[in-house]
Amino acid sequence: MGRKGSRYTLKEKLACISLVEQGITPNAVGTQYNIKGEQIQQWVQRYHKDGEAGLKRAWPHRYPTELKLEIVQKYLTRHTSYPCIGLVLD
């Protein structure tokens, strides 16, 4: 099971991004703070794309009750199979 939440605060992520923007490589920053360089690179990319909002924890998608009921009804009336339910949600 995956971990919940984030290991790093927004402040920590912004500090790492700032160092990268000053010219330090993500791997060097990662070594300094014991974070994988790939993770820091992802933060930089998200920050450039969406700003601080891209660094905040994304809450799980919530499906409307009506959609859930529709899918359950389709399953119960054999209009779809269990493996195909995921395709219905996409």
N, C-alpha and C. Protein backbone atom coordinates (compact mmCIF):
# COMPACT_ATOMS: atom_id res chain seq x y z
N MET A 1 0.84 -1.17 0.00
CA MET A 1 0.00 0.00 0.00
C MET A 1 0.88 1.23 0.00
N GLY A 2 0.54 2.22 -0.79
CA GLY A 2 1.34 3.43 -0.90
C GLY A 2 1.25 4.30 0.34
N ARG A 3 2.20 5.17 0.46
CA ARG A 3 2.19 6.07 1.62
C ARG A 3 1.19 7.18 1.40
N LYS A 4 0.71 7.72 2.49
CA LYS A 4 -0.26 8.81 2.40
C LYS A 4 0.47 10.12 2.69
N GLY A 5 0.07 11.16 2.01
CA GLY A 5 0.66 12.46 2.25
C GLY A 5 2.01 12.60 1.55
N SER A 6 2.73 13.60 1.97
CA SER A 6 4.00 13.90 1.35
C SER A 6 5.09 13.85 2.41
N ARG A 7 6.24 13.37 2.02
CA ARG A 7 7.37 13.35 2.95
C ARG A 7 7.96 14.73 3.12
N TYR A 8 7.78 15.56 2.13
CA TYR A 8 8.46 16.86 2.11
C TYR A 8 7.44 17.99 2.12
N THR A 9 7.75 19.01 2.89
CA THR A 9 6.85 20.15 2.97
C THR A 9 7.02 21.01 1.71
N LEU A 10 6.06 21.89 1.51
CA LEU A 10 6.13 22.82 0.39
C LEU A 10 7.39 23.67 0.51
N LYS A 11 7.72 24.08 1.72
CA LYS A 11 8.90 24.90 1.95
C LYS A 11 10.18 24.16 1.55
N GLU A 12 10.27 22.88 1.87
CA GLU A 12 11.44 22.08 1.51
C GLU A 12 11.55 21.93 -0.01
N LYS A 13 10.42 21.68 -0.65
CA LYS A 13 10.41 21.53 -2.11
C LYS A 13 10.86 22.82 -2.78
N LEU A 14 10.34 23.95 -2.30
CA LEU A 14 10.71 25.24 -2.88
C LEU A 14 12.19 25.55 -2.68
N ALA A 15 12.73 25.14 -1.54
CA ALA A 15 14.16 25.36 -1.28
C ALA A 15 15.00 24.57 -2.28
N CYS A 16 14.62 23.33 -2.54
CA CYS A 16 15.35 22.51 -3.51
C CYS A 16 15.25 23.09 -4.91
N ILE A 17 14.05 23.53 -5.27
CA ILE A 17 13.84 24.13 -6.59
C ILE A 17 14.69 25.39 -6.74
N SER A 18 14.75 26.18 -5.69
CA SER A 18 15.55 27.41 -5.72
C SER A 18 17.02 27.09 -5.99
N LEU A 19 17.53 26.05 -5.35
CA LEU A 19 18.93 25.67 -5.56
C LEU A 19 19.16 25.22 -7.00
N VAL A 20 18.21 24.48 -7.55
CA VAL A 20 18.33 24.03 -8.95
C VAL A 20 18.31 25.23 -9.87
N GLU A 21 17.46 26.19 -9.59
CA GLU A 21 17.38 27.39 -10.43
C GLU A 21 18.61 28.27 -10.31
N GLN A 22 19.38 28.10 -9.23
CA GLN A 22 20.64 28.82 -9.07
C GLN A 22 21.78 28.14 -9.82
N GLY A 23 21.49 26.98 -10.41
CA GLY A 23 22.50 26.32 -11.22
C GLY A 23 23.04 25.02 -10.66
N ILE A 24 22.59 24.63 -9.48
CA ILE A 24 23.05 23.36 -8.90
C ILE A 24 22.22 22.24 -9.53
N THR A 25 22.84 21.14 -9.86
CA THR A 25 22.11 20.05 -10.51
C THR A 25 21.16 19.39 -9.51
N PRO A 26 20.04 18.84 -10.01
CA PRO A 26 19.11 18.13 -9.12
C PRO A 26 19.79 17.00 -8.35
N ASN A 27 20.72 16.30 -8.98
CA ASN A 27 21.42 15.22 -8.28
C ASN A 27 22.27 15.74 -7.13
N ALA A 28 22.92 16.88 -7.33
CA ALA A 28 23.74 17.47 -6.27
C ALA A 28 22.87 17.93 -5.11
N VAL A 29 21.74 18.54 -5.43
CA VAL A 29 20.81 18.97 -4.38
C VAL A 29 20.28 17.74 -3.65
N GLY A 30 19.96 16.71 -4.41
CA GLY A 30 19.44 15.48 -3.81
C GLY A 30 20.44 14.83 -2.87
N THR A 31 21.70 14.84 -3.26
CA THR A 31 22.74 14.26 -2.41
C THR A 31 22.83 15.05 -1.11
N GLN A 32 22.74 16.35 -1.22
CA GLN A 32 22.84 17.22 -0.05
C GLN A 32 21.69 16.99 0.92
N TYR A 33 20.48 16.76 0.41
CA TYR A 33 19.29 16.64 1.25
C TYR A 33 18.75 15.21 1.34
N ASN A 34 19.48 14.24 0.80
CA ASN A 34 19.07 12.84 0.82
C ASN A 34 17.71 12.63 0.12
N ILE A 35 17.58 13.22 -1.05
CA ILE A 35 16.38 13.08 -1.89
C ILE A 35 16.86 12.66 -3.27
N LYS A 36 16.13 11.81 -3.92
CA LYS A 36 16.53 11.41 -5.27
C LYS A 36 16.48 12.60 -6.22
N GLY A 37 17.50 12.70 -7.06
CA GLY A 37 17.57 13.78 -8.04
C GLY A 37 16.38 13.78 -8.98
N GLU A 38 15.88 12.58 -9.32
CA GLU A 38 14.71 12.48 -10.20
C GLU A 38 13.48 13.12 -9.56
N GLN A 39 13.36 12.96 -8.24
CA GLN A 39 12.23 13.55 -7.52
C GLN A 39 12.30 15.07 -7.58
N ILE A 40 13.48 15.60 -7.37
CA ILE A 40 13.66 17.05 -7.42
C ILE A 40 13.37 17.57 -8.82
N GLN A 41 13.80 16.84 -9.84
CA GLN A 41 13.53 17.24 -11.21
C GLN A 41 12.02 17.28 -11.48
N GLN A 42 11.29 16.31 -10.93
CA GLN A 42 9.82 16.32 -11.07
C GLN A 42 9.22 17.55 -10.42
N TRP A 43 9.73 17.92 -9.24
CA TRP A 43 9.23 19.13 -8.57
C TRP A 43 9.47 20.36 -9.43
N VAL A 44 10.66 20.45 -10.00
CA VAL A 44 11.00 21.60 -10.85
C VAL A 44 10.03 21.68 -12.03
N GLN A 45 9.80 20.54 -12.68
CA GLN A 45 8.89 20.52 -13.83
C GLN A 45 7.47 20.91 -13.43
N ARG A 46 6.99 20.36 -12.32
CA ARG A 46 5.64 20.70 -11.85
C ARG A 46 5.53 22.17 -11.45
N TYR A 47 6.60 22.68 -10.84
CA TYR A 47 6.61 24.08 -10.42
C TYR A 47 6.56 25.00 -11.62
N HIS A 48 7.30 24.68 -12.66
CA HIS A 48 7.29 25.51 -13.87
C HIS A 48 5.95 25.42 -14.59
N LYS A 49 5.31 24.27 -14.51
CA LYS A 49 4.03 24.08 -15.21
C LYS A 49 2.86 24.69 -14.45
N ASP A 50 2.78 24.44 -13.13
CA ASP A 50 1.60 24.83 -12.35
C ASP A 50 1.88 25.73 -11.16
N GLY A 51 3.12 26.15 -10.98
CA GLY A 51 3.44 26.99 -9.83
C GLY A 51 3.40 26.18 -8.54
N GLU A 52 3.19 26.86 -7.43
CA GLU A 52 3.15 26.18 -6.13
C GLU A 52 2.04 25.15 -6.05
N ALA A 53 0.96 25.38 -6.77
CA ALA A 53 -0.16 24.44 -6.75
C ALA A 53 0.28 23.06 -7.26
N GLY A 54 1.24 23.02 -8.16
CA GLY A 54 1.73 21.76 -8.68
C GLY A 54 2.55 20.96 -7.68
N LEU A 55 2.95 21.60 -6.59
CA LEU A 55 3.75 20.93 -5.57
C LEU A 55 2.93 20.46 -4.39
N LYS A 56 1.70 20.91 -4.32
CA LYS A 56 0.84 20.53 -3.20
C LYS A 56 0.22 19.17 -3.44
N ARG A 57 -0.14 18.53 -2.37
CA ARG A 57 -0.71 17.19 -2.44
C ARG A 57 -2.03 17.22 -3.20
N ALA A 58 -2.14 16.33 -4.16
CA ALA A 58 -3.38 16.22 -4.93
C ALA A 58 -4.29 15.23 -4.23
N TRP A 59 -5.47 15.67 -3.91
CA TRP A 59 -6.43 14.77 -3.26
C TRP A 59 -6.96 13.78 -4.27
N PRO A 60 -7.33 12.59 -3.80
CA PRO A 60 -7.86 11.59 -4.72
C PRO A 60 -9.11 12.10 -5.42
N HIS A 61 -9.27 11.66 -6.67
CA HIS A 61 -10.44 12.07 -7.44
C HIS A 61 -11.69 11.48 -6.81
N ARG A 62 -12.72 12.26 -6.71
CA ARG A 62 -13.99 11.78 -6.15
C ARG A 62 -15.02 11.74 -7.27
N TYR A 63 -15.62 10.58 -7.42
CA TYR A 63 -16.63 10.40 -8.45
C TYR A 63 -18.00 10.74 -7.90
N PRO A 64 -18.86 11.35 -8.72
CA PRO A 64 -20.21 11.68 -8.27
C PRO A 64 -21.00 10.41 -7.92
N THR A 65 -21.87 10.52 -6.96
CA THR A 65 -22.69 9.39 -6.52
C THR A 65 -23.48 8.80 -7.67
N GLU A 66 -23.99 9.65 -8.54
CA GLU A 66 -24.79 9.17 -9.67
C GLU A 66 -23.98 8.25 -10.58
N LEU A 67 -22.73 8.62 -10.82
CA LEU A 67 -21.87 7.81 -11.67
C LEU A 67 -21.59 6.46 -11.01
N LYS A 68 -21.33 6.48 -9.72
CA LYS A 68 -21.08 5.23 -9.00
C LYS A 68 -22.28 4.30 -9.10
N LEU A 69 -23.48 4.86 -8.88
CA LEU A 69 -24.69 4.04 -8.95
C LEU A 69 -24.91 3.49 -10.35
N GLU A 70 -24.64 4.29 -11.36
CA GLU A 70 -24.80 3.84 -12.74
C GLU A 70 -23.88 2.65 -13.04
N ILE A 71 -22.66 2.73 -12.57
CA ILE A 71 -21.70 1.66 -12.81
C ILE A 71 -22.09 0.39 -12.06
N VAL A 72 -22.54 0.53 -10.84
CA VAL A 72 -22.99 -0.63 -10.07
C VAL A 72 -24.17 -1.29 -10.77
N GLN A 73 -25.11 -0.47 -11.26
CA GLN A 73 -26.27 -1.02 -11.96
C GLN A 73 -25.86 -1.76 -13.23
N LYS A 74 -24.93 -1.21 -13.98
CA LYS A 74 -24.46 -1.88 -15.19
C LYS A 74 -23.81 -3.22 -14.84
N TYR A 75 -23.04 -3.24 -13.76
CA TYR A 75 -22.40 -4.48 -13.35
C TYR A 75 -23.45 -5.51 -12.93
N LEU A 76 -24.41 -5.07 -12.13
CA LEU A 76 -25.43 -6.00 -11.63
C LEU A 76 -26.33 -6.54 -12.73
N THR A 77 -26.57 -5.76 -13.75
CA THR A 77 -27.43 -6.22 -14.85
C THR A 77 -26.62 -6.86 -15.97
N ARG A 78 -25.33 -7.10 -15.70
CA ARG A 78 -24.44 -7.79 -16.64
C ARG A 78 -24.19 -7.01 -17.93
N HIS A 79 -24.32 -5.69 -17.89
CA HIS A 79 -24.00 -4.89 -19.07
C HIS A 79 -22.50 -4.63 -19.19
N THR A 80 -21.78 -4.99 -18.15
CA THR A 80 -20.33 -4.84 -18.18
C THR A 80 -19.71 -5.84 -17.22
N SER A 81 -18.45 -6.12 -17.39
CA SER A 81 -17.75 -7.04 -16.50
C SER A 81 -16.90 -6.25 -15.52
N TYR A 82 -16.48 -6.90 -14.47
CA TYR A 82 -15.68 -6.23 -13.45
C TYR A 82 -14.41 -5.61 -14.04
N PRO A 83 -13.64 -6.32 -14.90
CA PRO A 83 -12.43 -5.70 -15.45
C PRO A 83 -12.73 -4.48 -16.33
N CYS A 84 -13.92 -4.41 -16.90
CA CYS A 84 -14.26 -3.29 -17.78
C CYS A 84 -14.77 -2.07 -17.03
N ILE A 85 -15.03 -2.21 -15.74
CA ILE A 85 -15.54 -1.07 -14.97
C ILE A 85 -14.57 0.09 -15.03
N GLY A 86 -13.27 -0.18 -14.94
CA GLY A 86 -12.26 0.89 -15.03
C GLY A 86 -12.35 1.63 -16.33
N LEU A 87 -12.69 0.93 -17.42
CA LEU A 87 -12.81 1.58 -18.72
C LEU A 87 -14.01 2.52 -18.75
N VAL A 88 -15.06 2.17 -18.02
CA VAL A 88 -16.26 2.99 -17.97
C VAL A 88 -15.95 4.31 -17.26
N LEU A 89 -15.07 4.26 -16.26
CA LEU A 89 -14.75 5.45 -15.49
C LEU A 89 -13.85 6.40 -16.25
N ASP A 90 -13.10 5.93 -17.22
CA ASP A 90 -12.15 6.79 -17.93
C ASP A 90 -12.82 7.72 -18.90
